[in-house]
Protein backbone atom coordinates (compact mmCIF):
# COMPACT_ATOMS: atom_id res chain seq x y z
CA MET A 1 10.16 -17.80 -3.31
CA SER A 2 6.89 -15.90 -3.66
CA ASP A 3 8.74 -12.57 -3.18
CA ALA A 4 11.19 -13.41 -5.98
CA ILE A 5 8.36 -14.34 -8.37
CA THR A 6 6.55 -11.06 -7.73
CA LEU A 7 9.66 -8.87 -7.98
CA ASN A 8 10.67 -10.58 -11.20
CA TYR A 9 7.21 -9.85 -12.62
CA TYR A 10 7.44 -6.13 -11.81
CA ASN A 11 11.02 -5.79 -13.02
CA SER A 12 10.07 -7.49 -16.29
CA ASN A 13 6.76 -5.65 -16.80
CA ALA A 14 7.58 -2.27 -15.27
CA ALA A 15 6.85 -0.14 -18.33
CA VAL A 16 3.45 -1.67 -19.04
CA PHE A 17 2.49 -1.66 -15.36
CA SER A 18 3.47 1.97 -14.96
CA GLU A 19 1.59 3.12 -18.06
CA THR A 20 -1.61 1.30 -17.08
CA THR A 21 -1.69 2.63 -13.52
CA LYS A 22 -0.15 6.10 -13.30
CA ASN A 23 -2.99 7.98 -15.04
CA VAL A 24 -5.85 6.18 -13.29
CA ASP A 25 -8.07 8.57 -11.29
CA PHE A 26 -7.86 7.29 -7.73
CA SER A 27 -8.78 10.59 -6.08
CA GLU A 28 -11.90 9.30 -4.31
CA VAL A 29 -9.90 6.86 -2.21
CA GLN A 30 -6.95 9.23 -1.85
CA GLN A 31 -9.29 11.85 -0.37
CA ILE A 32 -10.79 9.37 2.11
CA PHE A 33 -7.23 8.80 3.34
CA THR A 34 -6.08 12.43 3.40
CA LYS A 35 -9.15 13.73 5.23
CA HIS A 36 -7.71 11.92 8.27
CA LEU A 37 -4.40 13.84 7.96
CA SER A 38 -3.27 17.37 8.76
CA PRO A 39 -2.33 19.57 5.75
CA ASP A 40 1.43 19.16 6.29
CA ALA A 41 1.37 15.47 7.23
CA SER A 42 4.19 13.03 6.45
CA ILE A 43 3.20 10.01 4.36
CA LEU A 44 5.00 6.76 3.57
CA ASP A 45 3.94 5.41 0.16
CA PHE A 46 4.79 1.81 0.95
CA GLY A 47 5.13 -0.01 -2.37
CA CYS A 48 4.53 3.04 -4.55
CA GLY A 49 4.47 1.34 -7.96
CA SER A 50 4.24 3.89 -10.77
CA GLY A 51 4.29 6.80 -8.31
CA ARG A 52 0.73 7.87 -9.10
CA ASP A 53 -0.27 8.32 -5.47
CA THR A 54 3.05 9.84 -4.39
CA LYS A 55 2.61 12.49 -7.07
CA TYR A 56 -0.95 13.21 -5.92
CA PHE A 57 0.15 13.61 -2.30
CA LEU A 58 3.10 15.83 -3.27
CA ASN A 59 0.84 18.01 -5.42
CA ASN A 60 -1.44 18.46 -2.41
CA GLY A 61 1.34 19.63 -0.09
CA TYR A 62 2.17 16.50 1.86
CA HIS A 63 5.67 15.31 2.76
CA VAL A 64 6.15 11.95 1.05
CA THR A 65 8.65 9.13 1.41
CA ALA A 66 8.19 6.56 -1.37
CA THR A 67 9.53 3.01 -1.52
CA ASP A 68 9.20 0.00 -3.78
CA GLY A 69 10.84 -3.41 -3.97
CA SER A 70 11.46 -3.33 -7.72
CA GLY A 71 14.57 -1.47 -8.81
CA VAL A 72 13.16 -0.83 -12.29
CA ILE A 73 9.90 0.51 -10.85
CA CYS A 74 11.85 2.76 -8.47
CA LYS A 75 13.70 4.41 -11.36
CA MET A 76 10.48 5.02 -13.28
CA ALA A 77 8.67 6.36 -10.22
CA THR A 78 11.61 8.63 -9.39
CA ASP A 79 11.43 10.14 -12.89
CA TYR A 80 7.64 10.49 -12.70
CA THR A 81 7.36 12.01 -9.21
CA GLY A 82 10.53 14.11 -9.07
CA ILE A 83 11.56 12.65 -5.70
CA GLN A 84 14.02 9.85 -5.03
CA VAL A 85 12.12 6.59 -4.59
CA LYS A 86 13.94 4.20 -2.27
CA GLN A 87 14.31 0.55 -3.26
CA MET A 88 13.26 -1.41 -0.21
CA LEU A 89 11.52 -4.67 0.61
CA PHE A 90 8.58 -4.50 3.00
CA GLU A 91 10.56 -6.48 5.60
CA GLU A 92 13.24 -3.77 5.65
CA LEU A 93 10.98 -1.09 7.14
CA ASP A 94 12.47 -0.14 10.51
CA ASP A 95 11.29 3.46 11.08
CA ARG A 96 9.82 4.44 14.45
CA ASN A 97 7.13 7.09 15.08
CA GLN A 98 7.93 8.82 11.78
CA TYR A 99 4.76 9.01 9.65
CA ASP A 100 1.30 10.46 10.10
CA GLY A 101 -0.01 8.14 7.41
CA ILE A 102 1.09 5.00 5.57
CA TRP A 103 -0.34 4.36 2.12
CA ALA A 104 -0.03 0.66 1.20
CA CYS A 105 -2.26 0.58 -1.86
CA ALA A 106 -2.35 -2.83 -3.58
CA SER A 107 1.16 -3.52 -2.30
CA VAL A 108 1.38 -5.69 0.82
CA LEU A 109 -1.22 -7.98 -0.78
CA HIS A 110 1.76 -9.65 -2.48
CA LEU A 111 2.93 -11.09 0.84
CA SER A 112 1.86 -14.43 2.23
CA ARG A 113 -0.67 -14.57 5.06
CA GLU A 114 2.16 -15.88 7.23
CA LYS A 115 4.37 -12.82 6.60
CA LEU A 116 1.67 -10.14 6.84
CA PRO A 117 1.44 -9.84 10.67
CA ASN A 118 5.10 -8.84 10.93
CA ILE A 119 4.68 -6.20 8.21
CA PHE A 120 1.62 -4.68 9.89
CA HIS A 121 3.58 -4.60 13.15
CA LYS A 122 6.38 -2.73 11.34
CA MET A 123 3.86 -0.26 9.88
CA HIS A 124 2.39 0.25 13.35
CA GLN A 125 5.84 1.05 14.73
CA ALA A 126 6.57 3.46 11.88
CA LEU A 127 3.41 5.49 12.57
CA LYS A 128 3.19 8.43 14.93
CA THR A 129 0.58 8.27 17.68
CA ASN A 130 -2.93 8.25 16.18
CA GLY A 131 -1.49 7.65 12.69
CA ILE A 132 -3.52 6.09 9.90
CA ILE A 133 -2.86 3.25 7.44
CA TYR A 134 -4.64 2.75 4.13
CA THR A 135 -4.27 -0.66 2.56
CA SER A 136 -6.13 -2.71 -0.03
CA PHE A 137 -6.47 -6.33 -1.04
CA LYS A 138 -8.27 -8.16 -3.80
CA TYR A 139 -11.59 -9.37 -2.41
CA GLY A 140 -11.83 -13.09 -1.75
CA THR A 141 -10.20 -16.01 0.01
CA PHE A 142 -7.46 -16.93 -2.46
CA GLU A 143 -3.78 -17.15 -1.56
CA GLY A 144 -1.05 -18.13 -4.01
CA GLU A 145 0.45 -17.32 -7.39
CA ARG A 146 -1.85 -15.70 -9.92
CA ASN A 147 -0.81 -14.19 -13.26
CA GLY A 148 2.88 -14.23 -12.37
CA ARG A 149 2.56 -12.67 -8.92
CA TYR A 150 1.79 -13.85 -5.39
CA PHE A 151 -1.48 -12.63 -3.87
CA THR A 152 -3.20 -12.88 -0.53
CA ASP A 153 -6.89 -11.95 -0.73
CA PHE A 154 -9.22 -10.99 2.12
CA THR A 155 -12.92 -10.72 2.86
CA GLU A 156 -14.21 -8.38 5.58
CA GLY A 157 -14.53 -11.18 8.13
CA MET A 158 -11.10 -12.59 7.36
CA PHE A 159 -9.45 -9.18 7.78
CA GLU A 160 -11.32 -8.44 11.01
CA GLU A 161 -10.02 -11.73 12.41
CA PHE A 162 -6.51 -10.98 11.11
CA VAL A 163 -6.23 -7.48 12.60
CA ARG A 164 -7.43 -8.60 16.03
CA LYS A 165 -4.03 -10.27 16.36
CA ILE A 166 -2.13 -7.03 15.59
CA SER A 167 -1.66 -5.07 18.81
CA GLY A 168 -2.31 -1.33 18.62
CA LEU A 169 -4.27 -1.19 15.35
CA GLN A 170 -8.02 -0.91 14.91
CA ILE A 171 -10.22 -0.70 11.83
CA GLU A 172 -11.42 2.85 11.19
CA LYS A 173 -13.26 2.10 7.95
CA MET A 174 -13.63 -0.83 5.56
CA TRP A 175 -15.35 -0.74 2.17
CA ILE A 176 -15.50 -2.53 -1.18
CA THR A 177 -14.83 -0.94 -4.56
CA GLY A 178 -14.53 -2.09 -8.16
CA ASP A 179 -11.24 -1.91 -10.03
CA VAL A 180 -10.73 1.55 -11.54
CA ARG A 181 -8.51 0.33 -14.38
CA GLU A 182 -10.02 0.00 -17.84
CA GLY A 183 -11.54 -3.43 -18.46
CA ARG A 184 -11.24 -4.46 -14.78
CA GLY A 185 -14.57 -3.17 -13.48
CA ASP A 186 -15.81 -6.62 -12.47
CA GLU A 187 -12.90 -7.10 -10.02
CA ARG A 188 -13.58 -6.19 -6.40
CA TRP A 189 -11.21 -4.71 -3.84
CA LEU A 190 -11.33 -4.59 -0.05
CA ASN A 191 -10.21 -1.13 1.15
CA ILE A 192 -9.20 -0.63 4.78
CA LEU A 193 -8.29 2.33 6.99
CA LEU A 194 -6.53 1.39 10.22
CA ARG A 195 -5.81 3.68 13.16
CA LYS A 196 -2.86 3.39 15.54
CA THR A 197 -4.43 3.29 18.98
CA ASP A 198 -1.46 3.14 21.33
CA VAL A 199 1.87 4.87 21.93
CA CYS A 200 5.15 3.15 21.08
């Protein structure tokens, strides 16, 4: 039910969401991610939203596969980025050893704490050896519906405990930032880089 609520929100608010996110300067975090990648790396933008980050990665020479669960968002992001954005739920990821990096920016946070381990396992499988994941969550302990969407929040300690149960992934870096969108500066985000440490 939580997935349906969130998808309905994005399908209904796609235009506003896209306009308020696609021009936000997120280069500081993008560069933290890309410095761990080779110049011709392959990236999965997993829940790409407006396509802001896909466009940045494409403009910097990376090979990008972009997905989103919302059909309306996919059409907008396809128009914005110039590549075909695939409509796909997180649970449908079944790639193996395909990506050097997975960018899951403010995306998998819409899944319940119960569903998240399976999704991180799928991301682990989709990565090449020594691949990197960037993901972000609102900072805190809340889980449930908020403003028409489902959210799972994390603190540092909660995420450290969570990732210990995910075989083959270790935390490379974890840091807190404010929200970069206008009027959201008091909101805090937990940013995480994870490294694949084994071979599938």
